[in-house]
Amino acid sequence: MIQVTLFRRQNRWAGFRSEGHAGYAPEGADIICAAVSVLTTNTVNAIEELTQEEFEGEQRDGYLELRLKDIPGDAAELLLQAMVLGLTSVQESYGDCYIQIDTKEV
């Protein structure tokens, strides 16, 4: 199962952690893993390229984390909101036995 923890700070999205594998299909054919990977990776890339936000991050097999250093500006907040919308849609479509989403105040 993929476990996504969404970080909140002062009522704004402040980052996320995604870890694990969905187990929906064999490696290379798992559309849930692919969807989560695209959503999370694109969010990191967009924040890095399109905003002035400073952040810390870590990536390894089955793990991606992004933590904004300050309260996010409007652009980063919008990008993170879009990611949350996409992740929630994946969870609603395929069920929480493949992806679990939690929120943590940081």
C-alpha atoms as a PDB file:
ATOM      1  CA  MET A   1       0.000   0.000   0.000  1.00  0.00           C
ATOM      2  CA  ILE A   2       1.086   3.563  -0.668  1.00  0.00           C
ATOM      3  CA  GLN A   3       0.997   5.754   2.433  1.00  0.00           C
ATOM      4  CA  VAL A   4       0.784   9.492   1.769  1.00  0.00           C
ATOM      5  CA  THR A   5       1.159  11.940   4.634  1.00  0.00           C
ATOM      6  CA  LEU A   6       0.193  15.507   3.797  1.00  0.00           C
ATOM      7  CA  PHE A   7       1.810  18.212   5.909  1.00  0.00           C
ATOM      8  CA  ARG A   8      -0.172  21.291   6.999  1.00  0.00           C
ATOM      9  CA  ARG A   9       1.117  24.488   8.578  1.00  0.00           C
ATOM     10  CA  GLN A  10      -1.176  27.369   9.530  1.00  0.00           C
ATOM     11  CA  ASN A  11      -4.025  26.032   7.371  1.00  0.00           C
ATOM     12  CA  ARG A  12      -1.830  25.697   4.272  1.00  0.00           C
ATOM     13  CA  TRP A  13      -0.222  22.689   2.629  1.00  0.00           C
ATOM     14  CA  ALA A  14       3.441  22.542   3.640  1.00  0.00           C
ATOM     15  CA  GLY A  15       4.619  19.351   1.944  1.00  0.00           C
ATOM     16  CA  PHE A  16       4.092  15.621   1.831  1.00  0.00           C
ATOM     17  CA  ARG A  17       5.641  12.187   2.233  1.00  0.00           C
ATOM     18  CA  SER A  18       4.761   9.298  -0.070  1.00  0.00           C
ATOM     19  CA  GLU A  19       6.080   5.820   0.630  1.00  0.00           C
ATOM     20  CA  GLY A  20       5.422   2.248  -0.372  1.00  0.00           C
ATOM     21  CA  HIS A  21       4.017   0.479  -3.395  1.00  0.00           C
ATOM     22  CA  ALA A  22       0.357  -0.025  -4.241  1.00  0.00           C
ATOM     23  CA  GLY A  23       0.567  -3.706  -5.130  1.00  0.00           C
ATOM     24  CA  TYR A  24      -2.261  -3.265  -7.639  1.00  0.00           C
ATOM     25  CA  ALA A  25      -0.296  -4.896 -10.479  1.00  0.00           C
ATOM     26  CA  PRO A  26       3.241  -6.144 -11.183  1.00  0.00           C
ATOM     27  CA  GLU A  27       6.084  -3.613 -11.246  1.00  0.00           C
ATOM     28  CA  GLY A  28       5.980  -1.622 -14.460  1.00  0.00           C
ATOM     29  CA  ALA A  29       2.249  -2.202 -14.923  1.00  0.00           C
ATOM     30  CA  ASP A  30       0.890  -0.723 -11.690  1.00  0.00           C
ATOM     31  CA  ILE A  31      -1.250   2.246 -12.728  1.00  0.00           C
ATOM     32  CA  ILE A  32      -1.811   3.364  -9.141  1.00  0.00           C
ATOM     33  CA  CYS A  33       1.927   3.572  -8.441  1.00  0.00           C
ATOM     34  CA  ALA A  34       2.373   5.380 -11.749  1.00  0.00           C
ATOM     35  CA  ALA A  35      -0.377   7.893 -10.978  1.00  0.00           C
ATOM     36  CA  VAL A  36       0.946   8.673  -7.493  1.00  0.00           C
ATOM     37  CA  SER A  37       4.488   8.934  -8.820  1.00  0.00           C
ATOM     38  CA  VAL A  38       3.494  11.364 -11.572  1.00  0.00           C
ATOM     39  CA  LEU A  39       1.413  13.523  -9.229  1.00  0.00           C
ATOM     40  CA  THR A  40       4.047  13.767  -6.502  1.00  0.00           C
ATOM     41  CA  THR A  41       7.104  14.091  -8.751  1.00  0.00           C
ATOM     42  CA  ASN A  42       5.457  16.723 -10.928  1.00  0.00           C
ATOM     43  CA  THR A  43       4.526  18.709  -7.819  1.00  0.00           C
ATOM     44  CA  VAL A  44       8.125  18.713  -6.592  1.00  0.00           C
ATOM     45  CA  ASN A  45       9.399  19.700 -10.048  1.00  0.00           C
ATOM     46  CA  ALA A  46       6.788  22.448 -10.433  1.00  0.00           C
ATOM     47  CA  ILE A  47       7.514  23.940  -7.011  1.00  0.00           C
ATOM     48  CA  GLU A  48      11.228  23.898  -7.776  1.00  0.00           C
ATOM     49  CA  GLU A  49      10.892  25.450 -11.245  1.00  0.00           C
ATOM     50  CA  LEU A  50       7.882  27.754 -10.898  1.00  0.00           C
ATOM     51  CA  THR A  51       8.158  29.179  -7.382  1.00  0.00           C
ATOM     52  CA  GLN A  52      10.771  30.744  -5.146  1.00  0.00           C
ATOM     53  CA  GLU A  53       9.999  28.343  -2.282  1.00  0.00           C
ATOM     54  CA  GLU A  54      12.848  26.850  -0.297  1.00  0.00           C
ATOM     55  CA  PHE A  55      12.329  23.221   0.595  1.00  0.00           C
ATOM     56  CA  GLU A  56      13.982  20.056   1.763  1.00  0.00           C
ATOM     57  CA  GLY A  57      13.364  16.804  -0.001  1.00  0.00           C
ATOM     58  CA  GLU A  58      14.373  13.193  -0.211  1.00  0.00           C
ATOM     59  CA  GLN A  59      13.823  10.593  -2.911  1.00  0.00           C
ATOM     60  CA  ARG A  60      14.623   6.901  -3.084  1.00  0.00           C
ATOM     61  CA  ASP A  61      12.860   3.777  -4.321  1.00  0.00           C
ATOM     62  CA  GLY A  62       9.264   3.925  -3.163  1.00  0.00           C
ATOM     63  CA  TYR A  63       9.803   7.120  -1.159  1.00  0.00           C
ATOM     64  CA  LEU A  64       9.442  10.825  -1.920  1.00  0.00           C
ATOM     65  CA  GLU A  65       9.287  13.651   0.597  1.00  0.00           C
ATOM     66  CA  LEU A  66       8.986  17.424   0.242  1.00  0.00           C
ATOM     67  CA  ARG A  67       8.935  19.855   3.176  1.00  0.00           C
ATOM     68  CA  LEU A  68       8.632  23.577   2.559  1.00  0.00           C
ATOM     69  CA  LYS A  69      10.828  25.593   4.903  1.00  0.00           C
ATOM     70  CA  ASP A  70       8.339  28.436   5.350  1.00  0.00           C
ATOM     71  CA  ILE A  71       4.603  28.945   5.101  1.00  0.00           C
ATOM     72  CA  PRO A  72       3.889  28.343   1.408  1.00  0.00           C
ATOM     73  CA  GLY A  73       3.100  31.179  -0.943  1.00  0.00           C
ATOM     74  CA  ASP A  74       0.033  31.124  -3.153  1.00  0.00           C
ATOM     75  CA  ALA A  75       1.732  29.372  -6.088  1.00  0.00           C
ATOM     76  CA  ALA A  76       3.101  26.504  -3.981  1.00  0.00           C
ATOM     77  CA  GLU A  77      -0.218  26.212  -2.152  1.00  0.00           C
ATOM     78  CA  LEU A  78      -2.063  25.889  -5.471  1.00  0.00           C
ATOM     79  CA  LEU A  79       0.367  23.263  -6.767  1.00  0.00           C
ATOM     80  CA  LEU A  80       0.029  21.241  -3.564  1.00  0.00           C
ATOM     81  CA  GLN A  81      -3.777  21.592  -3.640  1.00  0.00           C
ATOM     82  CA  ALA A  82      -3.781  20.221  -7.186  1.00  0.00           C
ATOM     83  CA  MET A  83      -1.653  17.256  -6.076  1.00  0.00           C
ATOM     84  CA  VAL A  84      -4.004  16.563  -3.147  1.00  0.00           C
ATOM     85  CA  LEU A  85      -6.972  16.670  -5.528  1.00  0.00           C
ATOM     86  CA  GLY A  86      -5.293  14.151  -7.823  1.00  0.00           C
ATOM     87  CA  LEU A  87      -4.258  11.820  -4.998  1.00  0.00           C
ATOM     88  CA  THR A  88      -7.748  11.936  -3.511  1.00  0.00           C
ATOM     89  CA  SER A  89      -9.222  11.084  -6.912  1.00  0.00           C
ATOM     90  CA  VAL A  90      -6.934   8.057  -7.205  1.00  0.00           C
ATOM     91  CA  GLN A  91      -7.959   6.925  -3.720  1.00  0.00           C
ATOM     92  CA  GLU A  92     -11.658   7.366  -4.499  1.00  0.00           C
ATOM     93  CA  SER A  93     -11.319   5.464  -7.791  1.00  0.00           C
ATOM     94  CA  TYR A  94      -9.275   2.508  -6.540  1.00  0.00           C
ATOM     95  CA  GLY A  95      -9.899   2.362  -2.808  1.00  0.00           C
ATOM     96  CA  ASP A  96      -7.933   2.879   0.353  1.00  0.00           C
ATOM     97  CA  CYS A  97      -6.553  -0.648   0.255  1.00  0.00           C
ATOM     98  CA  TYR A  98      -4.029   0.673  -2.330  1.00  0.00           C
ATOM     99  CA  ILE A  99      -3.467   4.246  -1.160  1.00  0.00           C
ATOM    100  CA  GLN A 100      -3.956   5.726   2.307  1.00  0.00           C
ATOM    101  CA  ILE A 101      -3.890   9.508   2.745  1.00  0.00           C
ATOM    102  CA  ASP A 102      -3.438  11.191   6.128  1.00  0.00           C
ATOM    103  CA  THR A 103      -2.828  14.779   7.192  1.00  0.00           C
ATOM    104  CA  LYS A 104      -0.340  15.895   9.832  1.00  0.00           C
ATOM    105  CA  GLU A 105       0.063  19.356  11.356  1.00  0.00           C
ATOM    106  CA  VAL A 106       3.742  20.404  11.305  1.00  0.00           C
END
